[in-house]
PDB file of N, CA and C in Angstrom:
ATOM      1  N   ALA A   1      46.452 -26.268-158.044  1.00  0.00           N
ATOM      2  CA  ALA A   1      47.398 -25.266-157.575  1.00  0.00           C
ATOM      3  C   ALA A   1      46.932 -24.664-156.237  1.00  0.00           C
ATOM      4  N   THR A   2      45.623 -24.462-156.095  1.00  0.00           N
ATOM      5  CA  THR A   2      45.097 -23.896-154.846  1.00  0.00           C
ATOM      6  C   THR A   2      45.290 -24.870-153.687  1.00  0.00           C
ATOM      7  N   GLU A   3      45.030 -26.146-153.939  1.00  0.00           N
ATOM      8  CA  GLU A   3      45.205 -27.146-152.887  1.00  0.00           C
ATOM      9  C   GLU A   3      46.664 -27.251-152.464  1.00  0.00           C
ATOM     10  N   GLU A   4      47.559 -27.168-153.437  1.00  0.00           N
ATOM     11  CA  GLU A   4      48.980 -27.261-153.121  1.00  0.00           C
ATOM     12  C   GLU A   4      49.438 -26.058-152.289  1.00  0.00           C
ATOM     13  N   LYS A   5      48.960 -24.876-152.645  1.00  0.00           N
ATOM     14  CA  LYS A   5      49.318 -23.672-151.892  1.00  0.00           C
ATOM     15  C   LYS A   5      48.768 -23.743-150.470  1.00  0.00           C
ATOM     16  N   THR A   6      47.519 -24.204-150.322  1.00  0.00           N
ATOM     17  CA  THR A   6      46.918 -24.348-148.998  1.00  0.00           C
ATOM     18  C   THR A   6      47.676 -25.377-148.176  1.00  0.00           C
ATOM     19  N   ALA A   7      48.018 -26.498-148.771  1.00  0.00           N
ATOM     20  CA  ALA A   7      48.760 -27.539-148.058  1.00  0.00           C
ATOM     21  C   ALA A   7      50.138 -27.041-147.638  1.00  0.00           C
ATOM     22  N   THR A   8      50.782 -26.255-148.486  1.00  0.00           N
ATOM     23  CA  THR A   8      52.094 -25.707-148.159  1.00  0.00           C
ATOM     24  C   THR A   8      52.003 -24.746-146.976  1.00  0.00           C
ATOM     25  N   LEU A   9      51.009 -23.864-146.989  1.00  0.00           N
ATOM     26  CA  LEU A   9      50.823 -22.931-145.879  1.00  0.00           C
ATOM     27  C   LEU A   9      50.486 -23.667-144.588  1.00  0.00           C
ATOM     28  N   LEU A  10      49.592 -24.645-144.681  1.00  0.00           N
ATOM     29  CA  LEU A  10      49.177 -25.418-143.515  1.00  0.00           C
ATOM     30  C   LEU A  10      50.355 -26.193-142.926  1.00  0.00           C
ATOM     31  N   SER A  11      51.148 -26.811-143.781  1.00  0.00           N
ATOM     32  CA  SER A  11      52.287 -27.577-143.278  1.00  0.00           C
ATOM     33  C   SER A  11      53.357 -26.654-142.702  1.00  0.00           C
ATOM     34  N   GLY A  12      53.570 -25.499-143.298  1.00  0.00           N
ATOM     35  CA  GLY A  12      54.530 -24.543-142.747  1.00  0.00           C
ATOM     36  C   GLY A  12      54.117 -24.054-141.376  1.00  0.00           C
ATOM     37  N   PHE A  13      52.825 -23.787-141.214  1.00  0.00           N
ATOM     38  CA  PHE A  13      52.285 -23.368-139.919  1.00  0.00           C
ATOM     39  C   PHE A  13      52.474 -24.480-138.889  1.00  0.00           C
ATOM     40  N   GLY A  14      52.202 -25.712-139.280  1.00  0.00           N
ATOM     41  CA  GLY A  14      52.348 -26.843-138.371  1.00  0.00           C
ATOM     42  C   GLY A  14      53.790 -27.092-137.966  1.00  0.00           C
ATOM     43  N   ILE A  15      54.690 -27.024-138.921  1.00  0.00           N
ATOM     44  CA  ILE A  15      56.106 -27.228-138.623  1.00  0.00           C
ATOM     45  C   ILE A  15      56.616 -26.099-137.730  1.00  0.00           C
ATOM     46  N   GLY A  16      56.143 -24.878-137.964  1.00  0.00           N
ATOM     47  CA  GLY A  16      56.530 -23.754-137.112  1.00  0.00           C
ATOM     48  C   GLY A  16      56.043 -23.921-135.684  1.00  0.00           C
ATOM     49  N   ALA A  17      54.801 -24.373-135.509  1.00  0.00           N
ATOM     50  CA  ALA A  17      54.258 -24.594-134.162  1.00  0.00           C
ATOM     51  C   ALA A  17      55.033 -25.692-133.447  1.00  0.00           C
ATOM     52  N   ARG A  18      55.384 -26.729-134.160  1.00  0.00           N
ATOM     53  CA  ARG A  18      56.182 -27.816-133.568  1.00  0.00           C
ATOM     54  C   ARG A  18      57.560 -27.299-133.163  1.00  0.00           C
ATOM     55  N   ALA A  19      58.140 -26.459-134.003  1.00  0.00           N
ATOM     56  CA  ALA A  19      59.452 -25.896-133.692  1.00  0.00           C
ATOM     57  C   ALA A  19      59.396 -25.038-132.429  1.00  0.00           C
ATOM     58  N   VAL A  20      58.361 -24.232-132.283  1.00  0.00           N
ATOM     59  CA  VAL A  20      58.223 -23.388-131.088  1.00  0.00           C
ATOM     60  C   VAL A  20      58.092 -24.264-129.842  1.00  0.00           C
ATOM     61  N   ALA A  21      57.275 -25.295-129.925  1.00  0.00           N
ATOM     62  CA  ALA A  21      57.109 -26.197-128.776  1.00  0.00           C
ATOM     63  C   ALA A  21      58.436 -26.861-128.419  1.00  0.00           C
ATOM     64  N   PHE A  22      59.193 -27.306-129.418  1.00  0.00           N
ATOM     65  CA  PHE A  22      60.478 -27.941-129.150  1.00  0.00           C
ATOM     66  C   PHE A  22      61.504 -26.943-128.618  1.00  0.00           C
ATOM     67  N   LEU A  23      61.443 -25.692-129.054  1.00  0.00           N
ATOM     68  CA  LEU A  23      62.344 -24.676-128.515  1.00  0.00           C
ATOM     69  C   LEU A  23      62.078 -24.442-127.033  1.00  0.00           C
ATOM     70  N   ILE A  24      60.819 -24.413-126.649  1.00  0.00           N
ATOM     71  CA  ILE A  24      60.482 -24.232-125.235  1.00  0.00           C
ATOM     72  C   ILE A  24      60.962 -25.434-124.423  1.00  0.00           C
ATOM     73  N   ILE A  25      60.741 -26.646-124.945  1.00  0.00           N
ATOM     74  CA  ILE A  25      61.220 -27.851-124.265  1.00  0.00           C
ATOM     75  C   ILE A  25      62.744 -27.814-124.153  1.00  0.00           C
ATOM     76  N   GLY A  26      63.425 -27.413-125.222  1.00  0.00           N
ATOM     77  CA  GLY A  26      64.879 -27.300-125.187  1.00  0.00           C
ATOM     78  C   GLY A  26      65.351 -26.277-124.170  1.00  0.00           C
ATOM     79  N   GLY A  27      64.602 -25.189-124.031  1.00  0.00           N
ATOM     80  CA  GLY A  27      64.932 -24.189-123.018  1.00  0.00           C
ATOM     81  C   GLY A  27      64.823 -24.759-121.613  1.00  0.00           C
ATOM     82  N   PHE A  28      63.759 -25.536-121.375  1.00  0.00           N
ATOM     83  CA  PHE A  28      63.607 -26.188-120.072  1.00  0.00           C
ATOM     84  C   PHE A  28      64.759 -27.149-119.802  1.00  0.00           C
ATOM     85  N   LEU A  29      65.127 -27.938-120.802  1.00  0.00           N
ATOM     86  CA  LEU A  29      66.217 -28.896-120.624  1.00  0.00           C
ATOM     87  C   LEU A  29      67.552 -28.190-120.388  1.00  0.00           C
ATOM     88  N   SER A  30      67.791 -27.110-121.124  1.00  0.00           N
ATOM     89  CA  SER A  30      69.026 -26.350-120.937  1.00  0.00           C
ATOM     90  C   SER A  30      69.080 -25.735-119.547  1.00  0.00           C
ATOM     91  N   TYR A  31      67.974 -25.140-119.124  1.00  0.00           N
ATOM     92  CA  TYR A  31      67.926 -24.533-117.796  1.00  0.00           C
ATOM     93  C   TYR A  31      68.130 -25.596-116.718  1.00  0.00           C
ATOM     94  N   SER A  32      67.538 -26.756-116.918  1.00  0.00           N
ATOM     95  CA  SER A  32      67.700 -27.860-115.979  1.00  0.00           C
ATOM     96  C   SER A  32      69.155 -28.301-115.898  1.00  0.00           C
ATOM     97  N   ALA A  33      69.835 -28.349-117.031  1.00  0.00           N
ATOM     98  CA  ALA A  33      71.239 -28.754-117.047  1.00  0.00           C
ATOM     99  C   ALA A  33      72.129 -27.696-116.400  1.00  0.00           C
ATOM    100  N   ILE A  34      71.840 -26.425-116.663  1.00  0.00           N
ATOM    101  CA  ILE A  34      72.665 -25.348-116.108  1.00  0.00           C
ATOM    102  C   ILE A  34      72.523 -25.283-114.591  1.00  0.00           C
ATOM    103  N   THR A  35      71.303 -25.425-114.103  1.00  0.00           N
ATOM    104  CA  THR A  35      71.067 -25.326-112.660  1.00  0.00           C
ATOM    105  C   THR A  35      71.273 -26.651-111.938  1.00  0.00           C
ATOM    106  N   ALA A  36      71.540 -27.707-112.683  1.00  0.00           N
ATOM    107  CA  ALA A  36      71.708 -29.053-112.117  1.00  0.00           C
ATOM    108  C   ALA A  36      70.495 -29.452-111.277  1.00  0.00           C
ATOM    109  N   ASN A  37      69.319 -29.068-111.766  1.00  0.00           N
ATOM    110  CA  ASN A  37      68.070 -29.377-111.071  1.00  0.00           C
ATOM    111  C   ASN A  37      67.160 -30.141-112.033  1.00  0.00           C
ATOM    112  N   PRO A  38      67.098 -31.463-111.945  1.00  0.00           N
ATOM    113  CA  PRO A  38      66.289 -32.233-112.888  1.00  0.00           C
ATOM    114  C   PRO A  38      64.790 -31.958-112.768  1.00  0.00           C
ATOM    115  N   GLN A  39      64.358 -31.326-111.684  1.00  0.00           N
ATOM    116  CA  GLN A  39      62.931 -31.001-111.523  1.00  0.00           C
ATOM    117  C   GLN A  39      62.488 -29.923-112.508  1.00  0.00           C
ATOM    118  N   GLN A  40      63.439 -29.164-113.071  1.00  0.00           N
ATOM    119  CA  GLN A  40      63.107 -28.099-114.011  1.00  0.00           C
ATOM    120  C   GLN A  40      62.848 -28.617-115.430  1.00  0.00           C
ATOM    121  N   ALA A  41      63.265 -29.842-115.720  1.00  0.00           N
ATOM    122  CA  ALA A  41      63.062 -30.414-117.048  1.00  0.00           C
ATOM    123  C   ALA A  41      61.578 -30.724-117.241  1.00  0.00           C
ATOM    124  N   ARG A  42      61.058 -30.327-118.390  1.00  0.00           N
ATOM    125  CA  ARG A  42      59.639 -30.569-118.704  1.00  0.00           C
ATOM    126  C   ARG A  42      59.523 -31.023-120.146  1.00  0.00           C
ATOM    127  N   GLY A  43      58.415 -31.668-120.443  1.00  0.00           N
ATOM    128  CA  GLY A  43      58.156 -32.129-121.798  1.00  0.00           C
ATOM    129  C   GLY A  43      57.150 -31.229-122.488  1.00  0.00           C
ATOM    130  N   LEU A  44      56.387 -31.808-123.410  1.00  0.00           N
ATOM    131  CA  LEU A  44      55.407 -31.036-124.176  1.00  0.00           C
ATOM    132  C   LEU A  44      54.333 -30.449-123.271  1.00  0.00           C
ATOM    133  N   GLU A  45      53.912 -31.207-122.270  1.00  0.00           N
ATOM    134  CA  GLU A  45      52.902 -30.697-121.335  1.00  0.00           C
ATOM    135  C   GLU A  45      53.422 -29.455-120.606  1.00  0.00           C
ATOM    136  N   GLY A  46      54.673 -29.490-120.192  1.00  0.00           N
ATOM    137  CA  GLY A  46      55.267 -28.339-119.524  1.00  0.00           C
ATOM    138  C   GLY A  46      55.372 -27.138-120.446  1.00  0.00           C
ATOM    139  N   ALA A  47      55.685 -27.395-121.717  1.00  0.00           N
ATOM    140  CA  ALA A  47      55.772 -26.301-122.692  1.00  0.00           C
ATOM    141  C   ALA A  47      54.412 -25.656-122.895  1.00  0.00           C
ATOM    142  N   ILE A  48      53.369 -26.463-123.024  1.00  0.00           N
ATOM    143  CA  ILE A  48      52.016 -25.916-123.214  1.00  0.00           C
ATOM    144  C   ILE A  48      51.566 -25.177-121.957  1.00  0.00           C
ATOM    145  N   THR A  49      51.901 -25.717-120.791  1.00  0.00           N
ATOM    146  CA  THR A  49      51.555 -25.038-119.535  1.00  0.00           C
ATOM    147  C   THR A  49      52.259 -23.694-119.452  1.00  0.00           C
ATOM    148  N   GLN A  50      53.525 -23.647-119.857  1.00  0.00           N
ATOM    149  CA  GLN A  50      54.275 -22.385-119.842  1.00  0.00           C
ATOM    150  C   GLN A  50      53.645 -21.376-120.794  1.00  0.00           C
ATOM    151  N   ILE A  51      53.225 -21.831-121.970  1.00  0.00           N
ATOM    152  CA  ILE A  51      52.555 -20.945-122.930  1.00  0.00           C
ATOM    153  C   ILE A  51      51.253 -20.437-122.329  1.00  0.00           C
ATOM    154  N   ALA A  52      50.499 -21.310-121.668  1.00  0.00           N
ATOM    155  CA  ALA A  52      49.207 -20.927-121.089  1.00  0.00           C
ATOM    156  C   ALA A  52      49.363 -19.900-119.980  1.00  0.00           C
ATOM    157  N   GLN A  53      50.486 -19.912-119.278  1.00  0.00           N
ATOM    158  CA  GLN A  53      50.694 -18.987-118.170  1.00  0.00           C
ATOM    159  C   GLN A  53      51.205 -17.625-118.622  1.00  0.00           C
ATOM    160  N   SER A  54      51.498 -17.460-119.905  1.00  0.00           N
ATOM    161  CA  SER A  54      51.940 -16.157-120.397  1.00  0.00           C
ATOM    162  C   SER A  54      50.737 -15.220-120.507  1.00  0.00           C
ATOM    163  N   ALA A  55      50.994 -13.955-120.823  1.00  0.00           N
ATOM    164  CA  ALA A  55      49.931 -12.937-120.853  1.00  0.00           C
ATOM    165  C   ALA A  55      48.775 -13.320-121.794  1.00  0.00           C
ATOM    166  N   PRO A  56      49.028 -13.547-123.084  1.00  0.00           N
ATOM    167  CA  PRO A  56      47.924 -13.962-123.967  1.00  0.00           C
ATOM    168  C   PRO A  56      47.813 -15.483-124.038  1.00  0.00           C
ATOM    169  N   GLY A  57      47.842 -16.145-122.889  1.00  0.00           N
ATOM    170  CA  GLY A  57      47.972 -17.592-122.804  1.00  0.00           C
ATOM    171  C   GLY A  57      46.952 -18.407-123.550  1.00  0.00           C
ATOM    172  N   GLN A  58      45.661 -18.134-123.351  1.00  0.00           N
ATOM    173  CA  GLN A  58      44.639 -18.971-123.978  1.00  0.00           C
ATOM    174  C   GLN A  58      44.705 -18.887-125.493  1.00  0.00           C
ATOM    175  N   VAL A  59      44.933 -17.703-126.010  1.00  0.00           N
ATOM    176  CA  VAL A  59      45.022 -17.544-127.468  1.00  0.00           C
ATOM    177  C   VAL A  59      46.223 -18.312-128.000  1.00  0.00           C
ATOM    178  N   LEU A  60      47.351 -18.205-127.303  1.00  0.00           N
ATOM    179  CA  LEU A  60      48.554 -18.914-127.750  1.00  0.00           C
ATOM    180  C   LEU A  60      48.394 -20.427-127.673  1.00  0.00           C
ATOM    181  N   VAL A  61      47.698 -20.915-126.660  1.00  0.00           N
ATOM    182  CA  VAL A  61      47.461 -22.360-126.560  1.00  0.00           C
ATOM    183  C   VAL A  61      46.571 -22.828-127.707  1.00  0.00           C
ATOM    184  N   ILE A  62      45.559 -22.051-128.045  1.00  0.00           N
ATOM    185  CA  ILE A  62      44.685 -22.408-129.164  1.00  0.00           C
ATOM    186  C   ILE A  62      45.470 -22.406-130.473  1.00  0.00           C
ATOM    187  N   VAL A  63      46.296 -21.375-130.691  1.00  0.00           N
ATOM    188  CA  VAL A  63      47.099 -21.305-131.911  1.00  0.00           C
ATOM    189  C   VAL A  63      48.095 -22.465-131.959  1.00  0.00           C
ATOM    190  N   THR A  64      48.726 -22.770-130.823  1.00  0.00           N
ATOM    191  CA  THR A  64      49.662 -23.902-130.765  1.00  0.00           C
ATOM    192  C   THR A  64      48.939 -25.219-131.043  1.00  0.00           C
ATOM    193  N   GLY A  65      47.744 -25.364-130.487  1.00  0.00           N
ATOM    194  CA  GLY A  65      46.954 -26.567-130.741  1.00  0.00           C
ATOM    195  C   GLY A  65      46.614 -26.733-132.211  1.00  0.00           C
ATOM    196  N   PHE A  66      46.175 -25.637-132.847  1.00  0.00           N
ATOM    197  CA  PHE A  66      45.888 -25.707-134.282  1.00  0.00           C
ATOM    198  C   PHE A  66      47.162 -25.988-135.086  1.00  0.00           C
ATOM    199  N   GLY A  67      48.275 -25.422-134.617  1.00  0.00           N
ATOM    200  CA  GLY A  67      49.542 -25.671-135.306  1.00  0.00           C
ATOM    201  C   GLY A  67      49.957 -27.127-135.222  1.00  0.00           C
ATOM    202  N   LEU A  68      49.844 -27.717-134.033  1.00  0.00           N
ATOM    203  CA  LEU A  68      50.200 -29.130-133.885  1.00  0.00           C
ATOM    204  C   LEU A  68      49.221 -30.030-134.646  1.00  0.00           C
ATOM    205  N   LEU A  69      47.958 -29.634-134.698  1.00  0.00           N
ATOM    206  CA  LEU A  69      46.985 -30.363-135.517  1.00  0.00           C
ATOM    207  C   LEU A  69      47.358 -30.265-136.996  1.00  0.00           C
ATOM    208  N   SER A  70      47.782 -29.078-137.425  1.00  0.00           N
ATOM    209  CA  SER A  70      48.226 -28.896-138.807  1.00  0.00           C
ATOM    210  C   SER A  70      49.430 -29.781-139.113  1.00  0.00           C
ATOM    211  N   TYR A  71      50.342 -29.887-138.154  1.00  0.00           N
ATOM    212  CA  TYR A  71      51.509 -30.746-138.355  1.00  0.00           C
ATOM    213  C   TYR A  71      51.079 -32.210-138.479  1.00  0.00           C
ATOM    214  N   GLY A  72      50.115 -32.625-137.677  1.00  0.00           N
ATOM    215  CA  GLY A  72      49.607 -33.986-137.778  1.00  0.00           C
ATOM    216  C   GLY A  72      48.978 -34.266-139.132  1.00  0.00           C
ATOM    217  N   ILE A  73      48.221 -33.301-139.631  1.00  0.00           N
ATOM    218  CA  ILE A  73      47.619 -33.441-140.965  1.00  0.00           C
ATOM    219  C   ILE A  73      48.699 -33.511-142.027  1.00  0.00           C
ATOM    220  N   TYR A  74      49.711 -32.661-141.884  1.00  0.00           N
ATOM    221  CA  TYR A  74      50.834 -32.672-142.819  1.00  0.00           C
ATOM    222  C   TYR A  74      51.503 -34.049-142.846  1.00  0.00           C
ATOM    223  N   CYS A  75      51.749 -34.629-141.675  1.00  0.00           N
ATOM    224  CA  CYS A  75      52.381 -35.948-141.612  1.00  0.00           C
ATOM    225  C   CYS A  75      51.510 -37.015-142.264  1.00  0.00           C
ATOM    226  N   PHE A  76      50.201 -36.937-142.033  1.00  0.00           N
ATOM    227  CA  PHE A  76      49.282 -37.909-142.621  1.00  0.00           C
ATOM    228  C   PHE A  76      49.270 -37.795-144.147  1.00  0.00           C
ATOM    229  N   VAL A  77      49.158 -36.578-144.661  1.00  0.00           N
ATOM    230  CA  VAL A  77      49.137 -36.363-146.113  1.00  0.00           C
ATOM    231  C   VAL A  77      50.477 -36.772-146.724  1.00  0.00           C
ATOM    232  N   ASN A  78      51.561 -36.455-146.038  1.00  0.00           N
ATOM    233  CA  ASN A  78      52.883 -36.833-146.517  1.00  0.00           C
ATOM    234  C   ASN A  78      53.007 -38.350-146.607  1.00  0.00           C
ATOM    235  N   ALA A  79      52.489 -39.051-145.621  1.00  0.00           N
ATOM    236  CA  ALA A  79      52.556 -40.516-145.632  1.00  0.00           C
ATOM    237  C   ALA A  79      51.698 -41.108-146.755  1.00  0.00           C
ATOM    238  N   LEU A  80      50.573 -40.473-147.042  1.00  0.00           N
ATOM    239  CA  LEU A  80      49.693 -40.991-148.092  1.00  0.00           C
ATOM    240  C   LEU A  80      50.253 -40.799-149.495  1.00  0.00           C
ATOM    241  N   PHE A  81      50.848 -39.640-149.756  1.00  0.00           N
ATOM    242  CA  PHE A  81      51.176 -39.289-151.129  1.00  0.00           C
ATOM    243  C   PHE A  81      52.657 -39.293-151.467  1.00  0.00           C
ATOM    244  N   ARG A  82      53.518 -39.582-150.526  1.00  0.00           N
ATOM    245  CA  ARG A  82      54.947 -39.598-150.835  1.00  0.00           C
ATOM    246  C   ARG A  82      55.267 -40.845-151.648  1.00  0.00           C
ATOM    247  N   TYR A  83      56.028 -40.635-152.679  1.00  0.00           N
ATOM    248  CA  TYR A  83      56.482 -41.749-153.503  1.00  0.00           C
ATOM    249  C   TYR A  83      57.987 -41.846-153.375  1.00  0.00           C
ATOM    250  N   ILE A  84      58.469 -43.005-153.017  1.00  0.00           N
ATOM    251  CA  ILE A  84      59.895 -43.237-152.870  1.00  0.00           C
ATOM    252  C   ILE A  84      60.331 -44.149-154.018  1.00  0.00           C
ATOM    253  N   GLU A  85      61.253 -43.635-154.795  1.00  0.00           N
ATOM    254  CA  GLU A  85      61.752 -44.386-155.953  1.00  0.00           C
ATOM    255  C   GLU A  85      62.595 -45.560-155.464  1.00  0.00           C
ATOM    256  N   PRO A  86      62.225 -46.788-155.863  1.00  0.00           N
ATOM    257  CA  PRO A  86      63.043 -47.940-155.459  1.00  0.00           C
ATOM    258  C   PRO A  86      64.407 -47.903-156.144  1.00  0.00           C
ATOM    259  N   ARG A  87      65.432 -48.350-155.439  1.00  0.00           N
ATOM    260  CA  ARG A  87      66.772 -48.403-156.003  1.00  0.00           C
ATOM    261  C   ARG A  87      66.955 -49.666-156.816  1.00  0.00           C
ATOM    262  N   GLN A  88      67.758 -49.540-157.836  1.00  0.00           N
ATOM    263  CA  GLN A  88      68.133 -50.704-158.631  1.00  0.00           C
ATOM    264  C   GLN A  88      69.434 -51.258-158.059  1.00  0.00           C
ATOM    265  N   ALA A  89      69.516 -52.550-157.932  1.00  0.00           N
ATOM    266  CA  ALA A  89      70.746 -53.186-157.444  1.00  0.00           C
ATOM    267  C   ALA A  89      71.816 -53.040-158.515  1.00  0.00           C
ATOM    268  N   ASP A  90      73.001 -52.627-158.105  1.00  0.00           N
ATOM    269  CA  ASP A  90      74.105 -52.447-159.076  1.00  0.00           C
ATOM    270  C   ASP A  90      74.841 -53.724-159.313  1.00  0.00           C
TER     271      ASP A  90
END
């Protein structure tokens, strides 16, 4: 039960960090589309750079890094232990 609770918290943290990174990327893409300036579009590197340039930048980059690492662990554990029930042909 303890391992399951820890894994749930860790995966939630990882999915949340991934969501924040994708929201920032989506903001860049939206701004790029609105201004018709493709130079404004950025990927994950641009999102992390934007986080680093904010006031508490280094702390946020470290938290984002741990979050993305947590998401990677979640994906690995999910791949190892997921069981998919085979379908029976009708």
